[in-house]
Amino acid sequence: MFAHKSTAKVTCVREVSGFAVWYHRALYDEKGRPMGSNGDYLLRFFAWSATDEAIEFAVNTATDAGQDMIEVRALDALIEKAMMAIKPFHCDGC
């Protein structure tokens, strides 16, 4: 289904103001064509005081409730959920 160079991973990264959980998606078919929207997606951000929660979220997200392989469809659904949580900036008179 996926080409050998395909990757999908979840990482928890220490940022300046807390911890970010990222989904890195680089999936290609056997002919090397991108499958879907590849990129780096911020799934969730945690404050410094929530280190354990950030790591737990990243591990649970990556393992999909005990699976030892990432479930790409479930992660793609999280992208959509994360995008809906972002409120677009709107400024009247800017």
Protein backbone atom coordinates (compact mmCIF):
# COMPACT_ATOMS: atom_id res chain seq x y z
CA MET A 1 0.00 0.00 0.00
CA PHE A 2 2.75 2.49 0.96
CA ALA A 3 6.13 2.95 -0.68
CA HIS A 4 9.26 2.08 1.27
CA LYS A 5 10.14 5.74 1.89
CA SER A 6 6.77 6.48 3.57
CA THR A 7 6.69 7.55 7.21
CA ALA A 8 4.06 8.50 9.75
CA LYS A 9 5.07 9.41 13.28
CA VAL A 10 3.95 11.29 16.36
CA THR A 11 6.45 13.30 18.37
CA CYS A 12 6.38 15.30 21.58
CA VAL A 13 8.67 18.31 21.21
CA ARG A 14 9.86 20.75 23.85
CA GLU A 15 9.04 24.26 22.64
CA VAL A 16 9.76 27.71 24.12
CA SER A 17 6.45 27.92 25.99
CA GLY A 18 5.57 24.26 26.56
CA PHE A 19 5.28 20.95 24.71
CA ALA A 20 3.88 20.40 21.23
CA VAL A 21 2.60 17.06 19.97
CA TRP A 22 3.17 16.82 16.22
CA TYR A 23 1.99 14.35 13.58
CA HIS A 24 4.54 14.03 10.78
CA ARG A 25 2.97 12.55 7.64
CA ALA A 26 4.95 11.58 4.55
CA LEU A 27 3.07 8.83 2.74
CA TYR A 28 3.69 7.83 -0.87
CA ASP A 29 2.31 5.14 -3.15
CA GLU A 30 4.47 2.57 -4.93
CA LYS A 31 5.14 5.04 -7.75
CA GLY A 32 6.38 7.73 -5.36
CA ARG A 33 3.30 9.95 -5.61
CA PRO A 34 2.07 11.65 -2.40
CA MET A 35 -0.93 10.02 -0.77
CA GLY A 36 -3.10 12.74 0.71
CA SER A 37 -1.87 15.88 2.40
CA ASN A 38 1.66 15.22 3.63
CA GLY A 39 3.16 17.60 6.16
CA ASP A 40 3.73 18.35 9.83
CA TYR A 41 0.55 18.90 11.83
CA LEU A 42 0.28 20.28 15.35
CA LEU A 43 -2.19 18.04 17.16
CA ARG A 44 -2.07 19.63 20.59
CA PHE A 45 -0.04 22.01 22.74
CA PHE A 46 0.62 21.63 26.46
CA ALA A 47 1.95 24.06 29.08
CA TRP A 48 5.27 23.41 30.83
CA SER A 49 3.36 22.20 33.88
CA ALA A 50 1.68 19.46 31.81
CA THR A 51 4.77 17.49 30.79
CA ASP A 52 3.34 14.12 31.80
CA GLU A 53 0.06 14.81 30.01
CA ALA A 54 1.89 15.83 26.82
CA ILE A 55 3.97 12.65 26.78
CA GLU A 56 0.96 10.49 27.62
CA PHE A 57 -1.10 12.10 24.83
CA ALA A 58 1.72 11.56 22.31
CA VAL A 59 2.23 7.91 23.27
CA ASN A 60 -1.49 7.12 23.34
CA THR A 61 -2.03 8.88 20.02
CA ALA A 62 0.86 7.09 18.34
CA THR A 63 -0.05 3.66 19.62
CA ASP A 64 -3.83 4.01 19.19
CA ALA A 65 -4.88 2.27 22.40
CA GLY A 66 -2.31 -0.48 22.53
CA GLN A 67 -1.56 -1.08 18.86
CA ASP A 68 2.14 -1.31 18.03
CA MET A 69 1.71 0.45 14.67
CA ILE A 70 0.39 3.93 13.93
CA GLU A 71 -3.15 3.95 12.52
CA VAL A 72 -2.87 6.53 9.74
CA ARG A 73 -6.63 7.01 9.31
CA ALA A 74 -7.07 7.79 13.00
CA LEU A 75 -4.23 10.33 12.88
CA ASP A 76 -5.67 11.95 9.76
CA ALA A 77 -8.96 12.36 11.64
CA LEU A 78 -7.05 14.10 14.45
CA ILE A 79 -5.69 16.63 11.95
CA GLU A 80 -9.24 17.60 11.04
CA LYS A 81 -10.23 17.84 14.71
CA ALA A 82 -7.19 20.01 15.51
CA MET A 83 -7.90 22.31 12.57
CA MET A 84 -11.49 22.79 13.75
CA ALA A 85 -10.21 23.81 17.20
CA ILE A 86 -8.22 26.69 15.70
CA LYS A 87 -10.34 29.80 15.58
CA PRO A 88 -9.50 32.02 12.62
CA PHE A 89 -8.23 35.47 13.48
CA HIS A 90 -10.65 38.21 12.54
CA CYS A 91 -10.06 41.89 13.10
CA ASP A 92 -12.64 44.52 12.19
CA GLY A 93 -10.91 47.68 11.10
CA CYS A 94 -7.33 46.32 11.04
